[in-house]
């Protein structure tokens, strides 16, 4: 189970890195690391970068 959590955290970190590289630092006034995974995924997909599968 810990392996799945690490993989999920890795994907989350990758999404955050990609959003930051596109100039997104906050969503709805919150820093990216404070947001739930689903909201990060929605914002990430809005940029058309769907190469990370959840």
Protein backbone atom coordinates (compact mmCIF):
# COMPACT_ATOMS: atom_id res chain seq x y z
CA UNK A 1 0.00 0.00 0.00
CA UNK A 2 2.86 2.39 0.72
CA UNK A 3 4.16 1.86 -2.82
CA UNK A 4 0.86 3.07 -4.29
CA UNK A 5 0.95 6.13 -2.06
CA UNK A 6 4.50 6.94 -3.17
CA UNK A 7 3.54 6.56 -6.82
CA UNK A 8 0.52 8.80 -6.29
CA UNK A 9 2.67 11.40 -4.53
CA UNK A 10 5.17 11.23 -7.38
CA UNK A 11 2.43 11.88 -9.95
CA UNK A 12 1.11 14.72 -7.79
CA UNK A 13 4.59 16.25 -7.62
CA UNK A 14 4.94 15.93 -11.40
CA UNK A 15 1.62 17.71 -11.95
CA UNK A 16 2.66 20.50 -9.57
CA UNK A 17 6.01 20.89 -11.37
CA UNK A 18 4.27 21.12 -14.75
CA UNK A 19 1.74 23.67 -13.50
CA UNK A 20 4.49 25.81 -12.00
CA UNK A 21 6.44 25.64 -15.26
CA UNK A 22 3.31 27.03 -16.95
CA UNK A 23 3.11 29.91 -14.49
CA UNK A 24 0.42 28.47 -12.20
CA UNK A 25 1.41 29.00 -8.57
CA UNK A 26 -1.99 29.21 -6.87
CA UNK A 27 -5.51 28.01 -7.58
CA UNK A 28 -8.45 29.62 -5.81
CA UNK A 29 -5.99 31.51 -3.58
CA UNK A 30 -4.29 28.35 -2.31
CA UNK A 31 -0.82 27.10 -3.07
CA UNK A 32 -0.73 23.99 -5.23
CA UNK A 33 0.54 21.64 -2.53
CA UNK A 34 -2.47 22.56 -0.35
CA UNK A 35 -5.02 21.44 -2.93
CA UNK A 36 -6.74 18.07 -3.21
CA UNK A 37 -5.48 15.78 -5.95
CA UNK A 38 -8.72 16.01 -7.96
CA UNK A 39 -8.50 19.80 -8.24
CA UNK A 40 -4.85 19.59 -9.29
CA UNK A 41 -5.75 17.01 -11.92
CA UNK A 42 -8.53 19.21 -13.32
CA UNK A 43 -6.23 22.21 -13.61
CA UNK A 44 -3.48 20.07 -15.10
CA UNK A 45 -5.84 18.69 -17.73
CA UNK A 46 -7.00 22.22 -18.55
CA UNK A 47 -3.50 22.81 -19.92
CA UNK A 48 -3.92 19.75 -22.17
CA UNK A 49 -1.16 17.80 -20.48
CA UNK A 50 -2.82 14.46 -19.99
CA UNK A 51 0.32 12.30 -20.20
CA UNK A 52 0.10 11.47 -16.48
CA UNK A 53 -2.47 8.76 -15.87
CA UNK A 54 -4.18 8.64 -12.47
